[in-house]
Amino acid sequence: MRNVFTCFTFNIITRILMNKRAFIKDEHKYEKHKSSKKDFIDLMLELLDGVPKGEDMVKAAITELVSAGTETSATTLEWTFAEILHHAPHVLTKTQVELDTVVGCSRLVDKAVLPRLPYLQAIIKEAFQLHPPVPLLVPHMSI
């Protein structure tokens, strides 16, 4: 599955870079764009312009950023289900009852319903305490 996701992401990034390159070749549009704010891809392309395999390096960096964000969430979800199934199957039953009562069987859970699902919220908080997605985050401050 990860291979399929990586290939899909890589193809999308390739298209984005091709569009950026075409945009840069159109000098009239690019001159107007140069004075405006640049995005991450613009900066990476400028930095690695003329570097052998520079575009491949940009593709790899962007693919890593995208896949790293989804990988942490997926891993936390896997650990949560593993913990529930292995240690406490009754938790799964109780969660299903809460979901059926509040949401019902014909709808999906959405953001508006979450405040009315305290048991599910407790499971999610417990999962993040037991298996944080990134255990050694760089120390930071709020501004």
N, C-alpha and C. Protein backbone atom coordinates (compact mmCIF):
# COMPACT_ATOMS: atom_id res chain seq x y z
N MET A 1 0.83 -1.20 0.00
CA MET A 1 0.00 0.00 0.00
C MET A 1 0.87 1.26 0.00
N ARG A 2 1.94 1.23 0.78
CA ARG A 2 2.81 2.39 0.85
C ARG A 2 3.44 2.67 -0.51
N ASN A 3 3.80 1.61 -1.24
CA ASN A 3 4.37 1.77 -2.56
C ASN A 3 3.40 2.47 -3.50
N VAL A 4 2.13 2.08 -3.45
CA VAL A 4 1.11 2.69 -4.30
C VAL A 4 0.97 4.16 -3.95
N PHE A 5 0.92 4.46 -2.64
CA PHE A 5 0.80 5.85 -2.19
C PHE A 5 2.01 6.66 -2.64
N THR A 6 3.21 6.11 -2.48
CA THR A 6 4.43 6.82 -2.86
C THR A 6 4.44 7.09 -4.36
N CYS A 7 4.08 6.11 -5.17
CA CYS A 7 4.04 6.30 -6.63
C CYS A 7 3.01 7.36 -7.01
N PHE A 8 1.84 7.30 -6.38
CA PHE A 8 0.78 8.27 -6.65
C PHE A 8 1.26 9.68 -6.30
N THR A 9 1.84 9.83 -5.12
CA THR A 9 2.34 11.13 -4.68
C THR A 9 3.45 11.62 -5.60
N PHE A 10 4.35 10.72 -5.96
CA PHE A 10 5.47 11.06 -6.82
C PHE A 10 4.96 11.55 -8.18
N ASN A 11 3.93 10.91 -8.72
CA ASN A 11 3.36 11.34 -10.01
C ASN A 11 2.73 12.72 -9.91
N ILE A 12 2.04 12.99 -8.83
CA ILE A 12 1.43 14.32 -8.64
C ILE A 12 2.52 15.37 -8.53
N ILE A 13 3.56 15.09 -7.78
CA ILE A 13 4.65 16.04 -7.61
C ILE A 13 5.36 16.29 -8.95
N THR A 14 5.52 15.25 -9.73
CA THR A 14 6.13 15.40 -11.06
C THR A 14 5.31 16.35 -11.92
N ARG A 15 3.98 16.20 -11.89
CA ARG A 15 3.12 17.12 -12.66
C ARG A 15 3.25 18.55 -12.17
N ILE A 16 3.28 18.73 -10.86
CA ILE A 16 3.41 20.08 -10.29
C ILE A 16 4.73 20.70 -10.75
N LEU A 17 5.81 19.94 -10.69
CA LEU A 17 7.11 20.46 -11.11
C LEU A 17 7.14 20.77 -12.61
N MET A 18 6.49 19.95 -13.41
CA MET A 18 6.42 20.22 -14.85
C MET A 18 5.68 21.54 -15.10
N ASN A 19 4.59 21.77 -14.37
CA ASN A 19 3.85 23.03 -14.51
C ASN A 19 4.70 24.22 -14.06
N LYS A 20 5.44 24.04 -12.97
CA LYS A 20 6.31 25.11 -12.49
C LYS A 20 7.39 25.44 -13.52
N ARG A 21 8.00 24.39 -14.09
CA ARG A 21 9.04 24.58 -15.11
C ARG A 21 8.46 25.30 -16.33
N ALA A 22 7.27 24.93 -16.76
CA ALA A 22 6.63 25.58 -17.91
C ALA A 22 6.35 27.04 -17.58
N PHE A 23 5.94 27.30 -16.35
CA PHE A 23 5.66 28.67 -15.91
C PHE A 23 6.94 29.51 -15.92
N ILE A 24 8.03 28.91 -15.45
CA ILE A 24 9.31 29.62 -15.41
C ILE A 24 9.80 29.93 -16.83
N LYS A 25 9.54 29.03 -17.77
CA LYS A 25 9.97 29.25 -19.16
C LYS A 25 9.21 30.41 -19.80
N ASP A 26 7.97 30.63 -19.38
CA ASP A 26 7.21 31.77 -19.87
C ASP A 26 7.69 33.00 -19.10
N GLU A 27 8.71 33.68 -19.65
CA GLU A 27 9.41 34.75 -18.94
C GLU A 27 8.49 35.88 -18.50
N HIS A 28 7.51 36.23 -19.30
CA HIS A 28 6.62 37.34 -18.96
C HIS A 28 5.87 37.06 -17.66
N LYS A 29 5.29 35.88 -17.55
CA LYS A 29 4.57 35.51 -16.32
C LYS A 29 5.54 35.37 -15.15
N TYR A 30 6.71 34.82 -15.43
CA TYR A 30 7.68 34.56 -14.35
C TYR A 30 8.21 35.85 -13.75
N GLU A 31 8.42 36.88 -14.58
CA GLU A 31 8.93 38.15 -14.06
C GLU A 31 7.94 38.76 -13.08
N LYS A 32 6.64 38.67 -13.37
CA LYS A 32 5.62 39.16 -12.43
C LYS A 32 5.63 38.34 -11.14
N HIS A 33 5.83 37.04 -11.31
CA HIS A 33 5.81 36.11 -10.17
C HIS A 33 7.04 36.28 -9.28
N LYS A 34 8.17 36.68 -9.85
CA LYS A 34 9.42 36.80 -9.09
C LYS A 34 9.28 37.78 -7.92
N SER A 35 8.50 38.85 -8.13
CA SER A 35 8.36 39.85 -7.08
C SER A 35 7.37 39.42 -5.99
N SER A 36 6.52 38.45 -6.29
CA SER A 36 5.56 37.99 -5.27
C SER A 36 6.22 36.95 -4.36
N LYS A 37 5.47 36.54 -3.35
CA LYS A 37 6.00 35.55 -2.41
C LYS A 37 6.18 34.21 -3.10
N LYS A 38 7.24 33.52 -2.74
CA LYS A 38 7.53 32.22 -3.35
C LYS A 38 7.11 31.11 -2.41
N ASP A 39 6.70 30.00 -2.98
CA ASP A 39 6.35 28.85 -2.16
C ASP A 39 7.56 27.93 -2.02
N PHE A 40 7.36 26.87 -1.28
CA PHE A 40 8.44 25.92 -0.98
C PHE A 40 9.05 25.34 -2.25
N ILE A 41 8.20 24.99 -3.21
CA ILE A 41 8.70 24.37 -4.45
C ILE A 41 9.54 25.38 -5.25
N ASP A 42 9.09 26.64 -5.30
CA ASP A 42 9.88 27.66 -6.00
C ASP A 42 11.28 27.76 -5.40
N LEU A 43 11.34 27.83 -4.08
CA LEU A 43 12.63 27.96 -3.41
C LEU A 43 13.53 26.74 -3.64
N MET A 44 12.94 25.56 -3.56
CA MET A 44 13.72 24.34 -3.80
C MET A 44 14.25 24.29 -5.23
N LEU A 45 13.41 24.65 -6.19
CA LEU A 45 13.84 24.64 -7.59
C LEU A 45 14.95 25.66 -7.84
N GLU A 46 14.84 26.84 -7.22
CA GLU A 46 15.89 27.85 -7.36
C GLU A 46 17.19 27.36 -6.75
N LEU A 47 17.09 26.80 -5.56
CA LEU A 47 18.27 26.33 -4.85
C LEU A 47 19.02 25.24 -5.62
N LEU A 48 18.27 24.34 -6.21
CA LEU A 48 18.88 23.19 -6.87
C LEU A 48 18.95 23.34 -8.39
N ASP A 49 18.76 24.56 -8.88
CA ASP A 49 18.85 24.80 -10.32
C ASP A 49 20.29 24.55 -10.78
N GLY A 50 20.45 23.71 -11.77
CA GLY A 50 21.77 23.40 -12.29
C GLY A 50 22.47 22.26 -11.57
N VAL A 51 21.93 21.82 -10.47
CA VAL A 51 22.51 20.69 -9.73
C VAL A 51 22.08 19.41 -10.42
N PRO A 52 23.04 18.50 -10.69
CA PRO A 52 22.63 17.23 -11.30
C PRO A 52 21.61 16.52 -10.42
N LYS A 53 20.56 16.02 -11.02
CA LYS A 53 19.48 15.32 -10.32
C LYS A 53 18.75 16.23 -9.32
N GLY A 54 18.86 17.54 -9.51
CA GLY A 54 18.24 18.50 -8.60
C GLY A 54 16.73 18.35 -8.51
N GLU A 55 16.09 18.15 -9.68
CA GLU A 55 14.63 18.00 -9.68
C GLU A 55 14.22 16.71 -8.97
N ASP A 56 15.01 15.67 -9.13
CA ASP A 56 14.73 14.41 -8.42
C ASP A 56 14.85 14.61 -6.91
N MET A 57 15.81 15.44 -6.50
CA MET A 57 15.97 15.71 -5.07
C MET A 57 14.77 16.47 -4.52
N VAL A 58 14.24 17.40 -5.32
CA VAL A 58 13.04 18.15 -4.91
C VAL A 58 11.86 17.20 -4.78
N LYS A 59 11.69 16.32 -5.77
CA LYS A 59 10.60 15.34 -5.73
C LYS A 59 10.71 14.46 -4.50
N ALA A 60 11.91 14.00 -4.21
CA ALA A 60 12.11 13.12 -3.05
C ALA A 60 11.80 13.85 -1.75
N ALA A 61 12.24 15.10 -1.64
CA ALA A 61 11.99 15.87 -0.41
C ALA A 61 10.50 16.08 -0.18
N ILE A 62 9.78 16.45 -1.23
CA ILE A 62 8.35 16.69 -1.10
C ILE A 62 7.61 15.39 -0.80
N THR A 63 8.00 14.31 -1.46
CA THR A 63 7.37 13.01 -1.20
C THR A 63 7.57 12.60 0.25
N GLU A 64 8.77 12.81 0.78
CA GLU A 64 9.04 12.49 2.18
C GLU A 64 8.19 13.31 3.12
N LEU A 65 8.04 14.60 2.83
CA LEU A 65 7.22 15.45 3.69
C LEU A 65 5.77 14.98 3.72
N VAL A 66 5.24 14.66 2.55
CA VAL A 66 3.84 14.23 2.47
C VAL A 66 3.66 12.87 3.14
N SER A 67 4.53 11.93 2.83
CA SER A 67 4.37 10.58 3.39
C SER A 67 4.66 10.54 4.88
N ALA A 68 5.57 11.37 5.35
CA ALA A 68 5.87 11.39 6.78
C ALA A 68 4.66 11.85 7.59
N GLY A 69 3.93 12.80 7.07
CA GLY A 69 2.74 13.28 7.77
C GLY A 69 1.65 12.24 7.86
N THR A 70 1.47 11.48 6.82
CA THR A 70 0.42 10.45 6.84
C THR A 70 0.89 9.20 7.57
N GLU A 71 2.17 8.92 7.51
CA GLU A 71 2.70 7.71 8.14
C GLU A 71 2.52 7.75 9.66
N THR A 72 2.76 8.89 10.28
CA THR A 72 2.63 8.99 11.73
C THR A 72 1.20 8.75 12.18
N SER A 73 0.25 9.32 11.45
CA SER A 73 -1.16 9.13 11.80
C SER A 73 -1.58 7.67 11.62
N ALA A 74 -1.16 7.08 10.53
CA ALA A 74 -1.51 5.68 10.26
C ALA A 74 -0.91 4.75 11.31
N THR A 75 0.32 5.01 11.70
CA THR A 75 0.98 4.18 12.71
C THR A 75 0.26 4.28 14.05
N THR A 76 -0.10 5.49 14.44
CA THR A 76 -0.83 5.67 15.70
C THR A 76 -2.16 4.93 15.67
N LEU A 77 -2.84 5.00 14.55
CA LEU A 77 -4.11 4.29 14.40
C LEU A 77 -3.92 2.78 14.52
N GLU A 78 -2.88 2.26 13.88
CA GLU A 78 -2.59 0.82 13.96
C GLU A 78 -2.32 0.40 15.39
N TRP A 79 -1.53 1.17 16.11
CA TRP A 79 -1.23 0.84 17.49
C TRP A 79 -2.48 0.89 18.36
N THR A 80 -3.34 1.86 18.11
CA THR A 80 -4.58 1.98 18.88
C THR A 80 -5.44 0.72 18.71
N PHE A 81 -5.64 0.31 17.46
CA PHE A 81 -6.43 -0.90 17.22
C PHE A 81 -5.76 -2.13 17.81
N ALA A 82 -4.44 -2.21 17.71
CA ALA A 82 -3.74 -3.36 18.27
C ALA A 82 -3.92 -3.42 19.78
N GLU A 83 -3.80 -2.28 20.44
CA GLU A 83 -3.98 -2.24 21.90
C GLU A 83 -5.40 -2.65 22.29
N ILE A 84 -6.37 -2.12 21.58
CA ILE A 84 -7.77 -2.44 21.90
C ILE A 84 -8.05 -3.92 21.68
N LEU A 85 -7.65 -4.45 20.57
CA LEU A 85 -7.93 -5.86 20.26
C LEU A 85 -7.18 -6.81 21.17
N HIS A 86 -5.95 -6.44 21.53
CA HIS A 86 -5.12 -7.35 22.33
C HIS A 86 -5.48 -7.30 23.82
N HIS A 87 -5.60 -6.10 24.35
CA HIS A 87 -5.76 -5.95 25.80
C HIS A 87 -7.19 -5.77 26.28
N ALA A 88 -8.03 -5.17 25.46
CA ALA A 88 -9.35 -4.82 25.97
C ALA A 88 -10.42 -4.90 24.88
N PRO A 89 -10.81 -6.12 24.49
CA PRO A 89 -11.86 -6.24 23.47
C PRO A 89 -13.19 -5.62 23.90
N HIS A 90 -13.43 -5.55 25.21
CA HIS A 90 -14.67 -4.94 25.69
C HIS A 90 -14.72 -3.44 25.36
N VAL A 91 -13.55 -2.82 25.21
CA VAL A 91 -13.49 -1.40 24.86
C VAL A 91 -14.05 -1.19 23.45
N LEU A 92 -13.73 -2.09 22.56
CA LEU A 92 -14.24 -2.01 21.19
C LEU A 92 -15.77 -2.11 21.18
N THR A 93 -16.30 -3.04 21.97
CA THR A 93 -17.75 -3.21 22.06
C THR A 93 -18.41 -1.95 22.61
N LYS A 94 -17.82 -1.40 23.67
CA LYS A 94 -18.38 -0.21 24.29
C LYS A 94 -18.32 0.99 23.32
N THR A 95 -17.25 1.07 22.55
CA THR A 95 -17.11 2.15 21.57
C THR A 95 -18.14 2.00 20.45
N GLN A 96 -18.36 0.76 20.01
CA GLN A 96 -19.37 0.52 18.96
C GLN A 96 -20.76 0.90 19.44
N VAL A 97 -21.06 0.59 20.69
CA VAL A 97 -22.37 0.95 21.26
C VAL A 97 -22.52 2.47 21.30
N GLU A 98 -21.46 3.17 21.74
CA GLU A 98 -21.51 4.64 21.80
C GLU A 98 -21.71 5.22 20.40
N LEU A 99 -20.98 4.72 19.42
CA LEU A 99 -21.12 5.21 18.05
C LEU A 99 -22.51 4.94 17.48
N ASP A 100 -23.03 3.74 17.73
CA ASP A 100 -24.37 3.41 17.23
C ASP A 100 -25.44 4.28 17.88
N THR A 101 -25.25 4.59 19.17
CA THR A 101 -26.24 5.40 19.88
C THR A 101 -26.21 6.85 19.41
N VAL A 102 -25.02 7.42 19.31
CA VAL A 102 -24.90 8.84 18.99
C VAL A 102 -24.98 9.10 17.49
N VAL A 103 -24.28 8.31 16.70
CA VAL A 103 -24.19 8.57 15.26
C VAL A 103 -25.20 7.75 14.48
N GLY A 104 -25.37 6.50 14.87
CA GLY A 104 -26.25 5.60 14.12
C GLY A 104 -25.45 4.80 13.11
N CYS A 105 -26.11 3.85 12.50
CA CYS A 105 -25.43 2.95 11.56
C CYS A 105 -25.39 3.49 10.14
N SER A 106 -26.25 4.45 9.83
CA SER A 106 -26.35 4.91 8.44
C SER A 106 -25.51 6.15 8.14
N ARG A 107 -24.88 6.75 9.16
CA ARG A 107 -24.08 7.96 8.94
C ARG A 107 -22.62 7.72 9.29
N LEU A 108 -21.76 8.62 8.81
CA LEU A 108 -20.36 8.60 9.19
C LEU A 108 -20.14 9.59 10.32
N VAL A 109 -19.10 9.38 11.10
CA VAL A 109 -18.76 10.30 12.18
C VAL A 109 -18.20 11.57 11.54
N ASP A 110 -18.68 12.72 11.97
CA ASP A 110 -18.11 13.98 11.50
C ASP A 110 -17.73 14.84 12.70
N LYS A 111 -17.10 15.95 12.42
CA LYS A 111 -16.56 16.81 13.46
C LYS A 111 -17.63 17.31 14.44
N ALA A 112 -18.81 17.55 13.95
CA ALA A 112 -19.89 18.09 14.80
C ALA A 112 -20.32 17.10 15.87
N VAL A 113 -20.16 15.81 15.64
CA VAL A 113 -20.63 14.78 16.56
C VAL A 113 -19.58 14.46 17.63
N LEU A 114 -18.33 14.77 17.37
CA LEU A 114 -17.24 14.39 18.29
C LEU A 114 -17.44 14.81 19.75
N PRO A 115 -17.93 16.01 20.05
CA PRO A 115 -18.13 16.37 21.46
C PRO A 115 -19.10 15.44 22.20
N ARG A 116 -19.96 14.75 21.47
CA ARG A 116 -20.92 13.84 22.10
C ARG A 116 -20.40 12.41 22.18
N LEU A 117 -19.12 12.21 21.90
CA LEU A 117 -18.50 10.88 21.96
C LEU A 117 -17.35 10.87 22.97
N PRO A 118 -17.66 11.00 24.26
CA PRO A 118 -16.59 11.10 25.27
C PRO A 118 -15.74 9.84 25.38
N TYR A 119 -16.32 8.69 25.20
CA TYR A 119 -15.54 7.44 25.32
C TYR A 119 -14.53 7.33 24.18
N LEU A 120 -14.96 7.66 22.98
CA LEU A 120 -14.06 7.65 21.83
C LEU A 120 -12.95 8.68 22.01
N GLN A 121 -13.28 9.84 22.52
CA GLN A 121 -12.26 10.87 22.79
C GLN A 121 -11.24 10.37 23.81
N ALA A 122 -11.71 9.67 24.83
CA ALA A 122 -10.80 9.12 25.84
C ALA A 122 -9.86 8.09 25.23
N ILE A 123 -10.37 7.27 24.32
CA ILE A 123 -9.54 6.26 23.65
C ILE A 123 -8.46 6.94 22.83
N ILE A 124 -8.84 7.98 22.11
CA ILE A 124 -7.87 8.69 21.28
C ILE A 124 -6.79 9.34 22.13
N LYS A 125 -7.18 9.98 23.23
CA LYS A 125 -6.20 10.60 24.12
C LYS A 125 -5.26 9.56 24.72
N GLU A 126 -5.81 8.44 25.13
CA GLU A 126 -5.00 7.35 25.69
C GLU A 126 -4.01 6.81 24.65
N ALA A 127 -4.48 6.66 23.43
CA ALA A 127 -3.61 6.16 22.36
C ALA A 127 -2.44 7.11 22.12
N PHE A 128 -2.69 8.41 22.10
CA PHE A 128 -1.61 9.37 21.90
C PHE A 128 -0.66 9.42 23.09
N GLN A 129 -1.14 9.10 24.27
CA GLN A 129 -0.25 9.05 25.43
C GLN A 129 0.64 7.81 25.38
N LEU A 130 0.05 6.68 25.01
CA LEU A 130 0.82 5.43 24.97
C LEU A 130 1.74 5.35 23.77
N HIS A 131 1.28 5.84 22.62
CA HIS A 131 2.05 5.74 21.37
C HIS A 131 2.03 7.08 20.63
N PRO A 132 2.79 8.05 21.12
CA PRO A 132 2.80 9.35 20.42
C PRO A 132 3.37 9.19 19.01
N PRO A 133 2.84 9.93 18.04
CA PRO A 133 3.31 9.79 16.67
C PRO A 133 4.78 10.15 16.51
N VAL A 134 5.23 11.18 17.19
CA VAL A 134 6.62 11.59 17.13
C VAL A 134 7.10 11.80 18.56
N PRO A 135 7.71 10.78 19.16
CA PRO A 135 8.04 10.86 20.58
C PRO A 135 9.12 11.86 20.93
N LEU A 136 9.98 12.17 20.01
CA LEU A 136 11.09 13.07 20.32
C LEU A 136 11.00 14.35 19.50
N LEU A 137 9.91 15.08 19.66
CA LEU A 137 9.74 16.32 18.92
C LEU A 137 10.80 17.34 19.32
N VAL A 138 11.15 18.19 18.40
CA VAL A 138 12.09 19.27 18.68
C VAL A 138 11.41 20.23 19.63
N PRO A 139 12.08 20.63 20.72
CA PRO A 139 11.45 21.59 21.64
C PRO A 139 11.08 22.88 20.91
N HIS A 140 9.91 23.42 21.23
CA HIS A 140 9.45 24.64 20.57
C HIS A 140 8.61 25.46 21.54
N MET A 141 8.35 26.70 21.15
CA MET A 141 7.55 27.60 21.98
C MET A 141 6.40 28.17 21.14
N SER A 142 5.30 28.47 21.81
CA SER A 142 4.21 29.16 21.13
C SER A 142 4.50 30.65 21.15
N ILE A 143 4.05 31.30 20.12
CA ILE A 143 4.27 32.75 20.05
C ILE A 143 3.01 33.46 20.46
